[in-house]
Amino acid sequence: MNMVNPKKSLGQHFLTDNNIAQNITNSLINESNYPVIELGPGTGILTQYLQQRFDNLTLIEIDSESINYLQKQYSNEKVNIIHADFLKAELNKMLISPTCLIGNFPYNISSQIFFRILDYHNNIPETVCMVQDEVARRLAASEGNKTYGILSVLLQTWYNIEYLFAVSPKVFYPQPKVKSAVIRLTRNERKSIDCEWNFYKSLVKTAFNQRRKTLRNALKPINISLDKIDNNILDKRAEQLSVYAFIDLANELSGLE
């Protein structure tokens, strides 16, 4: 067993099954052999396989005990170890060119990590991550599904999302109380959405904030006249709109601002 104590405050649950670790790392396709960043490597169970496959690997870890362990195990010319909080790290300096992400995301901050990925979507062609099963299903859900929500729409605007496989709580130390799953995000062909990203983001958030209401009522806080918008759309609820429909609606509304 590793010599790092899992810390509850950091949401650490260390994966202990090497077969699953190998399945996770093999799920990162990275055909172009881009540099890879591993988020929260902990005790390096993914790192051991990643360094075999990729020539340029950066580990970002917040926990100093893990950092000490990783430096002893993985100090070599292929692996760069950074002691930092991914949510506060200067990603604009790390993601100057295309870089793939991988990691067992701490479940308490996974949504914040995805919002950071969105900020750098043009330079993150692929992400493979383990998250809570419920979150994985939500992100991969399509319209018309009860679990389809804000992050489903925002991430699917730029990424194709695949639910790859479920992971039992039994292969972690300590065991989490929830099931886990691995998903892959692959950058899609979309280059632009033709309206301000911040406007689009706020439209999607506002639409889902009162998801049981029709868009006509849910979008009132935006303070834009909806009279010129096609009624068929406004009579729907947010979860009934595809990503394409959200983009079209955002473009129509941003033209009315």
C-alpha atoms as a PDB file:
ATOM      1  CA  MET A   1       0.000   0.000   0.000  1.00  0.00           C
ATOM      2  CA  ASN A   2       1.175   3.544  -0.676  1.00  0.00           C
ATOM      3  CA  MET A   3       2.619   5.773   2.012  1.00  0.00           C
ATOM      4  CA  VAL A   4       0.284   8.753   1.566  1.00  0.00           C
ATOM      5  CA  ASN A   5      -2.631   9.332   3.930  1.00  0.00           C
ATOM      6  CA  PRO A   6      -5.861  10.226   2.101  1.00  0.00           C
ATOM      7  CA  LYS A   7      -7.195  13.584   3.279  1.00  0.00           C
ATOM      8  CA  LYS A   8     -10.911  14.084   3.635  1.00  0.00           C
ATOM      9  CA  SER A   9     -10.565  17.864   3.205  1.00  0.00           C
ATOM     10  CA  LEU A  10      -9.139  17.285  -0.288  1.00  0.00           C
ATOM     11  CA  GLY A  11     -11.743  14.652  -1.185  1.00  0.00           C
ATOM     12  CA  GLN A  12      -8.979  12.073  -1.667  1.00  0.00           C
ATOM     13  CA  HIS A  13      -9.999   8.506  -2.469  1.00  0.00           C
ATOM     14  CA  PHE A  14      -7.020   6.638  -3.884  1.00  0.00           C
ATOM     15  CA  LEU A  15      -7.652   4.121  -6.645  1.00  0.00           C
ATOM     16  CA  THR A  16      -6.010   0.808  -5.732  1.00  0.00           C
ATOM     17  CA  ASP A  17      -6.773  -1.389  -8.767  1.00  0.00           C
ATOM     18  CA  ASN A  18      -4.020  -1.425 -11.412  1.00  0.00           C
ATOM     19  CA  ASN A  19      -6.233  -2.972 -14.096  1.00  0.00           C
ATOM     20  CA  ILE A  20      -8.708  -0.112 -13.817  1.00  0.00           C
ATOM     21  CA  ALA A  21      -5.864   2.409 -13.738  1.00  0.00           C
ATOM     22  CA  GLN A  22      -4.573   0.937 -16.992  1.00  0.00           C
ATOM     23  CA  ASN A  23      -8.067   1.034 -18.544  1.00  0.00           C
ATOM     24  CA  ILE A  24      -8.353   4.716 -17.618  1.00  0.00           C
ATOM     25  CA  THR A  25      -4.971   5.644 -19.093  1.00  0.00           C
ATOM     26  CA  ASN A  26      -5.653   3.577 -22.242  1.00  0.00           C
ATOM     27  CA  SER A  27      -8.867   5.577 -22.694  1.00  0.00           C
ATOM     28  CA  LEU A  28      -6.790   8.676 -23.469  1.00  0.00           C
ATOM     29  CA  ILE A  29      -6.304   8.316 -27.213  1.00  0.00           C
ATOM     30  CA  ASN A  30      -4.105  11.402 -27.846  1.00  0.00           C
ATOM     31  CA  GLU A  31      -3.244  10.375 -31.403  1.00  0.00           C
ATOM     32  CA  SER A  32      -1.123  13.495 -31.937  1.00  0.00           C
ATOM     33  CA  ASN A  33       1.003  12.752 -28.845  1.00  0.00           C
ATOM     34  CA  TYR A  34       0.242  16.144 -27.318  1.00  0.00           C
ATOM     35  CA  PRO A  35       1.638  16.954 -23.860  1.00  0.00           C
ATOM     36  CA  VAL A  36      -0.505  15.472 -21.073  1.00  0.00           C
ATOM     37  CA  ILE A  37      -1.467  17.011 -17.724  1.00  0.00           C
ATOM     38  CA  GLU A  38      -2.590  14.675 -14.955  1.00  0.00           C
ATOM     39  CA  LEU A  39      -4.777  16.351 -12.339  1.00  0.00           C
ATOM     40  CA  GLY A  40      -4.413  15.186  -8.751  1.00  0.00           C
ATOM     41  CA  PRO A  41      -2.181  12.149  -9.323  1.00  0.00           C
ATOM     42  CA  GLY A  42      -2.179  11.315  -5.593  1.00  0.00           C
ATOM     43  CA  THR A  43       0.004   8.210  -5.368  1.00  0.00           C
ATOM     44  CA  GLY A  44       0.691   7.959  -9.107  1.00  0.00           C
ATOM     45  CA  ILE A  45      -1.403   4.891  -9.942  1.00  0.00           C
ATOM     46  CA  LEU A  46      -2.249   6.444 -13.345  1.00  0.00           C
ATOM     47  CA  THR A  47       1.162   8.120 -13.650  1.00  0.00           C
ATOM     48  CA  GLN A  48       3.017   4.793 -13.907  1.00  0.00           C
ATOM     49  CA  TYR A  49       1.116   3.962 -17.120  1.00  0.00           C
ATOM     50  CA  LEU A  50       1.007   7.494 -18.513  1.00  0.00           C
ATOM     51  CA  GLN A  51       4.795   7.850 -18.417  1.00  0.00           C
ATOM     52  CA  GLN A  52       5.092   4.649 -20.446  1.00  0.00           C
ATOM     53  CA  ARG A  53       2.842   6.049 -23.181  1.00  0.00           C
ATOM     54  CA  PHE A  54       3.606   9.767 -23.382  1.00  0.00           C
ATOM     55  CA  ASP A  55       6.857  11.728 -23.643  1.00  0.00           C
ATOM     56  CA  ASN A  56       5.655  14.921 -22.011  1.00  0.00           C
ATOM     57  CA  LEU A  57       3.721  14.498 -18.764  1.00  0.00           C
ATOM     58  CA  THR A  58       2.952  17.156 -16.135  1.00  0.00           C
ATOM     59  CA  LEU A  59       1.495  16.268 -12.748  1.00  0.00           C
ATOM     60  CA  ILE A  60      -0.480  18.942 -10.879  1.00  0.00           C
ATOM     61  CA  GLU A  61      -1.027  18.007  -7.233  1.00  0.00           C
ATOM     62  CA  ILE A  62      -2.212  20.165  -4.320  1.00  0.00           C
ATOM     63  CA  ASP A  63      -1.224  17.788  -1.492  1.00  0.00           C
ATOM     64  CA  SER A  64       2.356  18.216  -0.233  1.00  0.00           C
ATOM     65  CA  GLU A  65       2.514  14.653   1.123  1.00  0.00           C
ATOM     66  CA  SER A  66       1.589  13.329  -2.333  1.00  0.00           C
ATOM     67  CA  ILE A  67       4.131  15.675  -3.927  1.00  0.00           C
ATOM     68  CA  ASN A  68       6.943  14.223  -1.774  1.00  0.00           C
ATOM     69  CA  TYR A  69       5.896  10.699  -2.679  1.00  0.00           C
ATOM     70  CA  LEU A  70       5.618  11.487  -6.415  1.00  0.00           C
ATOM     71  CA  GLN A  71       9.017  13.190  -6.480  1.00  0.00           C
ATOM     72  CA  LYS A  72      10.634  10.051  -5.074  1.00  0.00           C
ATOM     73  CA  GLN A  73       8.791   7.752  -7.486  1.00  0.00           C
ATOM     74  CA  TYR A  74       8.550   9.722 -10.723  1.00  0.00           C
ATOM     75  CA  SER A  75      11.411  12.186 -10.958  1.00  0.00           C
ATOM     76  CA  ASN A  76      12.693  11.843 -14.522  1.00  0.00           C
ATOM     77  CA  GLU A  77      13.057  13.916 -17.681  1.00  0.00           C
ATOM     78  CA  LYS A  78       9.608  12.901 -18.983  1.00  0.00           C
ATOM     79  CA  VAL A  79       7.658  13.924 -15.870  1.00  0.00           C
ATOM     80  CA  ASN A  80       7.245  17.480 -14.607  1.00  0.00           C
ATOM     81  CA  ILE A  81       5.744  17.692 -11.083  1.00  0.00           C
ATOM     82  CA  ILE A  82       3.954  20.909 -10.047  1.00  0.00           C
ATOM     83  CA  HIS A  83       2.730  21.603  -6.518  1.00  0.00           C
ATOM     84  CA  ALA A  84      -0.409  23.666  -7.191  1.00  0.00           C
ATOM     85  CA  ASP A  85      -4.173  23.865  -6.978  1.00  0.00           C
ATOM     86  CA  PHE A  86      -5.506  23.198 -10.498  1.00  0.00           C
ATOM     87  CA  LEU A  87      -8.363  25.640  -9.889  1.00  0.00           C
ATOM     88  CA  LYS A  88      -5.864  28.449  -9.233  1.00  0.00           C
ATOM     89  CA  ALA A  89      -2.938  27.340 -11.416  1.00  0.00           C
ATOM     90  CA  GLU A  90      -1.827  29.679 -14.208  1.00  0.00           C
ATOM     91  CA  LEU A  91      -3.241  27.563 -16.979  1.00  0.00           C
ATOM     92  CA  ASN A  92      -2.680  30.295 -19.565  1.00  0.00           C
ATOM     93  CA  LYS A  93       1.044  29.505 -19.195  1.00  0.00           C
ATOM     94  CA  MET A  94       0.587  25.726 -19.215  1.00  0.00           C
ATOM     95  CA  LEU A  95      -1.934  25.524 -22.054  1.00  0.00           C
ATOM     96  CA  ILE A  96      -0.185  27.617 -24.695  1.00  0.00           C
ATOM     97  CA  SER A  97      -0.538  24.749 -27.182  1.00  0.00           C
ATOM     98  CA  PRO A  98      -2.864  21.717 -27.342  1.00  0.00           C
ATOM     99  CA  THR A  99      -2.629  19.633 -24.168  1.00  0.00           C
ATOM    100  CA  CYS A 100      -4.683  16.627 -23.048  1.00  0.00           C
ATOM    101  CA  LEU A 101      -6.009  16.240 -19.492  1.00  0.00           C
ATOM    102  CA  ILE A 102      -6.509  13.113 -17.441  1.00  0.00           C
ATOM    103  CA  GLY A 103      -7.256  12.392 -13.811  1.00  0.00           C
ATOM    104  CA  ASN A 104      -9.436  11.016 -11.091  1.00  0.00           C
ATOM    105  CA  PHE A 105     -11.160  14.318 -10.336  1.00  0.00           C
ATOM    106  CA  PRO A 106     -11.931  15.084  -6.674  1.00  0.00           C
ATOM    107  CA  TYR A 107     -15.722  14.812  -6.660  1.00  0.00           C
ATOM    108  CA  ASN A 108     -16.266  17.895  -4.508  1.00  0.00           C
ATOM    109  CA  ILE A 109     -14.685  20.182  -7.148  1.00  0.00           C
ATOM    110  CA  SER A 110     -15.369  18.347 -10.410  1.00  0.00           C
ATOM    111  CA  SER A 111     -17.848  20.989 -11.664  1.00  0.00           C
ATOM    112  CA  GLN A 112     -15.286  23.760 -11.081  1.00  0.00           C
ATOM    113  CA  ILE A 113     -12.684  21.741 -12.991  1.00  0.00           C
ATOM    114  CA  PHE A 114     -15.081  21.413 -15.943  1.00  0.00           C
ATOM    115  CA  PHE A 115     -15.697  25.172 -15.970  1.00  0.00           C
ATOM    116  CA  ARG A 116     -11.925  25.676 -16.171  1.00  0.00           C
ATOM    117  CA  ILE A 117     -11.746  23.192 -19.052  1.00  0.00           C
ATOM    118  CA  LEU A 118     -14.428  25.240 -20.821  1.00  0.00           C
ATOM    119  CA  ASP A 119     -12.317  28.386 -20.459  1.00  0.00           C
ATOM    120  CA  TYR A 120      -9.497  26.661 -22.377  1.00  0.00           C
ATOM    121  CA  HIS A 121     -11.507  24.463 -24.736  1.00  0.00           C
ATOM    122  CA  ASN A 122      -9.473  25.497 -27.786  1.00  0.00           C
ATOM    123  CA  ASN A 123      -6.289  24.121 -26.257  1.00  0.00           C
ATOM    124  CA  ILE A 124      -7.706  21.003 -24.578  1.00  0.00           C
ATOM    125  CA  PRO A 125      -8.467  18.551 -27.393  1.00  0.00           C
ATOM    126  CA  GLU A 126      -9.204  15.599 -25.101  1.00  0.00           C
ATOM    127  CA  THR A 127      -9.961  14.905 -21.435  1.00  0.00           C
ATOM    128  CA  VAL A 128     -10.370  11.529 -19.758  1.00  0.00           C
ATOM    129  CA  CYS A 129     -11.564  11.634 -16.183  1.00  0.00           C
ATOM    130  CA  MET A 130     -13.153   9.647 -13.424  1.00  0.00           C
ATOM    131  CA  VAL A 131     -16.020  11.424 -11.710  1.00  0.00           C
ATOM    132  CA  GLN A 132     -19.089  10.503  -9.696  1.00  0.00           C
ATOM    133  CA  ASP A 133     -21.291   8.191 -11.793  1.00  0.00           C
ATOM    134  CA  GLU A 134     -24.248  10.561 -11.502  1.00  0.00           C
ATOM    135  CA  VAL A 135     -22.124  13.444 -12.857  1.00  0.00           C
ATOM    136  CA  ALA A 136     -20.771  11.289 -15.691  1.00  0.00           C
ATOM    137  CA  ARG A 137     -24.301  10.372 -16.796  1.00  0.00           C
ATOM    138  CA  ARG A 138     -25.433  13.987 -16.551  1.00  0.00           C
ATOM    139  CA  LEU A 139     -22.576  15.288 -18.701  1.00  0.00           C
ATOM    140  CA  ALA A 140     -23.128  12.650 -21.382  1.00  0.00           C
ATOM    141  CA  ALA A 141     -26.949  13.052 -21.380  1.00  0.00           C
ATOM    142  CA  SER A 142     -28.770  14.397 -24.413  1.00  0.00           C
ATOM    143  CA  GLU A 143     -31.800  16.684 -24.560  1.00  0.00           C
ATOM    144  CA  GLY A 144     -35.085  15.292 -23.295  1.00  0.00           C
ATOM    145  CA  ASN A 145     -33.292  13.540 -20.452  1.00  0.00           C
ATOM    146  CA  LYS A 146     -34.039  14.533 -16.856  1.00  0.00           C
ATOM    147  CA  THR A 147     -30.323  14.609 -16.021  1.00  0.00           C
ATOM    148  CA  TYR A 148     -29.451  16.951 -18.944  1.00  0.00           C
ATOM    149  CA  GLY A 149     -28.398  20.286 -17.459  1.00  0.00           C
ATOM    150  CA  ILE A 150     -26.132  23.337 -17.542  1.00  0.00           C
ATOM    151  CA  LEU A 151     -22.807  21.520 -17.782  1.00  0.00           C
ATOM    152  CA  SER A 152     -24.216  18.989 -20.290  1.00  0.00           C
ATOM    153  CA  VAL A 153     -25.047  21.843 -22.687  1.00  0.00           C
ATOM    154  CA  LEU A 154     -21.922  23.932 -22.088  1.00  0.00           C
ATOM    155  CA  LEU A 155     -19.487  21.027 -22.411  1.00  0.00           C
ATOM    156  CA  GLN A 156     -21.307  19.487 -25.384  1.00  0.00           C
ATOM    157  CA  THR A 157     -21.064  22.832 -27.156  1.00  0.00           C
ATOM    158  CA  TRP A 158     -17.338  22.119 -27.607  1.00  0.00           C
ATOM    159  CA  TYR A 159     -16.953  18.400 -26.883  1.00  0.00           C
ATOM    160  CA  ASN A 160     -18.320  14.992 -27.786  1.00  0.00           C
ATOM    161  CA  ILE A 161     -18.805  13.187 -24.461  1.00  0.00           C
ATOM    162  CA  GLU A 162     -18.680   9.414 -24.066  1.00  0.00           C
ATOM    163  CA  TYR A 163     -19.597   7.485 -20.934  1.00  0.00           C
ATOM    164  CA  LEU A 164     -16.928   4.759 -20.981  1.00  0.00           C
ATOM    165  CA  PHE A 165     -17.331   2.511 -17.923  1.00  0.00           C
ATOM    166  CA  ALA A 166     -18.475   2.403 -14.304  1.00  0.00           C
ATOM    167  CA  VAL A 167     -16.084   1.888 -11.387  1.00  0.00           C
ATOM    168  CA  SER A 168     -17.057   0.197  -8.112  1.00  0.00           C
ATOM    169  CA  PRO A 169     -16.435   1.945  -4.760  1.00  0.00           C
ATOM    170  CA  LYS A 170     -14.549  -1.214  -3.675  1.00  0.00           C
ATOM    171  CA  VAL A 171     -11.414  -0.317  -5.643  1.00  0.00           C
ATOM    172  CA  PHE A 172     -10.686   2.850  -3.657  1.00  0.00           C
ATOM    173  CA  TYR A 173      -9.061   3.586  -0.345  1.00  0.00           C
ATOM    174  CA  PRO A 174     -11.006   4.827   1.526  1.00  0.00           C
ATOM    175  CA  GLN A 175     -14.173   3.624  -0.223  1.00  0.00           C
ATOM    176  CA  PRO A 176     -16.387   6.510  -1.401  1.00  0.00           C
ATOM    177  CA  LYS A 177     -20.113   6.325  -0.699  1.00  0.00           C
ATOM    178  CA  VAL A 178     -20.931   6.811  -4.385  1.00  0.00           C
ATOM    179  CA  LYS A 179     -20.313   4.946  -7.627  1.00  0.00           C
ATOM    180  CA  SER A 180     -17.758   6.346 -10.057  1.00  0.00           C
ATOM    181  CA  ALA A 181     -17.462   6.359 -13.822  1.00  0.00           C
ATOM    182  CA  VAL A 182     -14.960   7.282 -16.499  1.00  0.00           C
ATOM    183  CA  ILE A 183     -15.854   9.614 -19.361  1.00  0.00           C
ATOM    184  CA  ARG A 184     -13.976  10.958 -22.374  1.00  0.00           C
ATOM    185  CA  LEU A 185     -14.401  14.467 -23.767  1.00  0.00           C
ATOM    186  CA  THR A 186     -13.147  14.913 -27.336  1.00  0.00           C
ATOM    187  CA  ARG A 187     -13.114  18.341 -28.960  1.00  0.00           C
ATOM    188  CA  ASN A 188     -15.751  18.543 -31.695  1.00  0.00           C
ATOM    189  CA  GLU A 189     -15.553  20.390 -35.026  1.00  0.00           C
ATOM    190  CA  ARG A 190     -17.251  23.564 -33.789  1.00  0.00           C
ATOM    191  CA  LYS A 191     -14.995  26.611 -34.156  1.00  0.00           C
ATOM    192  CA  SER A 192     -17.369  29.298 -32.915  1.00  0.00           C
ATOM    193  CA  ILE A 193     -20.899  29.866 -31.624  1.00  0.00           C
ATOM    194  CA  ASP A 194     -21.194  33.335 -33.265  1.00  0.00           C
ATOM    195  CA  CYS A 195     -22.201  35.083 -30.057  1.00  0.00           C
ATOM    196  CA  GLU A 196     -20.493  36.095 -26.833  1.00  0.00           C
ATOM    197  CA  TRP A 197     -19.539  33.062 -24.758  1.00  0.00           C
ATOM    198  CA  ASN A 198     -20.481  34.834 -21.504  1.00  0.00           C
ATOM    199  CA  PHE A 199     -23.916  35.676 -22.887  1.00  0.00           C
ATOM    200  CA  TYR A 200     -24.433  32.081 -24.026  1.00  0.00           C
ATOM    201  CA  LYS A 201     -23.288  30.746 -20.660  1.00  0.00           C
ATOM    202  CA  SER A 202     -25.662  33.028 -18.761  1.00  0.00           C
ATOM    203  CA  LEU A 203     -28.559  32.111 -21.091  1.00  0.00           C
ATOM    204  CA  VAL A 204     -28.015  28.377 -20.480  1.00  0.00           C
ATOM    205  CA  LYS A 205     -27.688  28.877 -16.716  1.00  0.00           C
ATOM    206  CA  THR A 206     -30.815  31.054 -16.546  1.00  0.00           C
ATOM    207  CA  ALA A 207     -32.814  28.590 -18.655  1.00  0.00           C
ATOM    208  CA  PHE A 208     -31.985  25.690 -16.325  1.00  0.00           C
ATOM    209  CA  ASN A 209     -32.239  27.625 -13.059  1.00  0.00           C
ATOM    210  CA  GLN A 210     -36.004  27.105 -13.228  1.00  0.00           C
ATOM    211  CA  ARG A 211     -36.000  24.007 -15.358  1.00  0.00           C
ATOM    212  CA  ARG A 212     -39.672  23.173 -14.757  1.00  0.00           C
ATOM    213  CA  LYS A 213     -40.812  26.441 -16.282  1.00  0.00           C
ATOM    214  CA  THR A 214     -41.142  27.111 -19.988  1.00  0.00           C
ATOM    215  CA  LEU A 215     -38.363  29.236 -21.452  1.00  0.00           C
ATOM    216  CA  ARG A 216     -40.788  32.147 -21.768  1.00  0.00           C
ATOM    217  CA  ASN A 217     -40.928  32.302 -17.957  1.00  0.00           C
ATOM    218  CA  ALA A 218     -37.480  30.949 -17.097  1.00  0.00           C
ATOM    219  CA  LEU A 219     -35.706  33.572 -19.248  1.00  0.00           C
ATOM    220  CA  LYS A 220     -37.445  36.618 -17.729  1.00  0.00           C
ATOM    221  CA  PRO A 221     -34.373  37.537 -15.609  1.00  0.00           C
ATOM    222  CA  ILE A 222     -32.388  38.202 -18.825  1.00  0.00           C
ATOM    223  CA  ASN A 223     -34.526  41.313 -19.500  1.00  0.00           C
ATOM    224  CA  ILE A 224     -34.663  40.944 -23.269  1.00  0.00           C
ATOM    225  CA  SER A 225     -37.912  41.232 -25.176  1.00  0.00           C
ATOM    226  CA  LEU A 226     -38.876  37.723 -26.234  1.00  0.00           C
ATOM    227  CA  ASP A 227     -41.706  38.848 -28.541  1.00  0.00           C
ATOM    228  CA  LYS A 228     -39.682  38.357 -31.723  1.00  0.00           C
ATOM    229  CA  ILE A 229     -38.635  34.817 -30.842  1.00  0.00           C
ATOM    230  CA  ASP A 230     -40.418  31.786 -32.330  1.00  0.00           C
ATOM    231  CA  ASN A 231     -43.119  30.751 -29.863  1.00  0.00           C
ATOM    232  CA  ASN A 232     -42.473  27.049 -30.363  1.00  0.00           C
ATOM    233  CA  ILE A 233     -39.097  27.411 -28.685  1.00  0.00           C
ATOM    234  CA  LEU A 234     -40.404  29.541 -25.818  1.00  0.00           C
ATOM    235  CA  ASP A 235     -43.090  26.986 -24.983  1.00  0.00           C
ATOM    236  CA  LYS A 236     -40.410  24.361 -24.349  1.00  0.00           C
ATOM    237  CA  ARG A 237     -38.426  23.754 -21.178  1.00  0.00           C
ATOM    238  CA  ALA A 238     -34.638  23.991 -21.101  1.00  0.00           C
ATOM    239  CA  GLU A 239     -34.105  20.230 -21.000  1.00  0.00           C
ATOM    240  CA  GLN A 240     -35.970  19.862 -24.332  1.00  0.00           C
ATOM    241  CA  LEU A 241     -33.488  22.036 -26.272  1.00  0.00           C
ATOM    242  CA  SER A 242     -30.533  20.513 -28.072  1.00  0.00           C
ATOM    243  CA  VAL A 243     -27.144  22.228 -27.998  1.00  0.00           C
ATOM    244  CA  TYR A 244     -27.822  23.450 -31.570  1.00  0.00           C
ATOM    245  CA  ALA A 245     -31.131  24.969 -30.426  1.00  0.00           C
ATOM    246  CA  PHE A 246     -29.438  26.756 -27.520  1.00  0.00           C
ATOM    247  CA  ILE A 247     -26.814  28.203 -29.877  1.00  0.00           C
ATOM    248  CA  ASP A 248     -29.507  29.395 -32.305  1.00  0.00           C
ATOM    249  CA  LEU A 249     -31.545  30.920 -29.480  1.00  0.00           C
ATOM    250  CA  ALA A 250     -28.480  32.678 -28.043  1.00  0.00           C
ATOM    251  CA  ASN A 251     -27.701  34.166 -31.438  1.00  0.00           C
ATOM    252  CA  GLU A 252     -31.284  35.365 -31.902  1.00  0.00           C
ATOM    253  CA  LEU A 253     -31.419  36.893 -28.430  1.00  0.00           C
ATOM    254  CA  SER A 254     -27.973  38.487 -28.562  1.00  0.00           C
ATOM    255  CA  GLY A 255     -29.128  40.255 -31.729  1.00  0.00           C
ATOM    256  CA  LEU A 256     -31.989  41.815 -29.702  1.00  0.00           C
ATOM    257  CA  GLU A 257     -29.854  43.117 -26.829  1.00  0.00           C
END
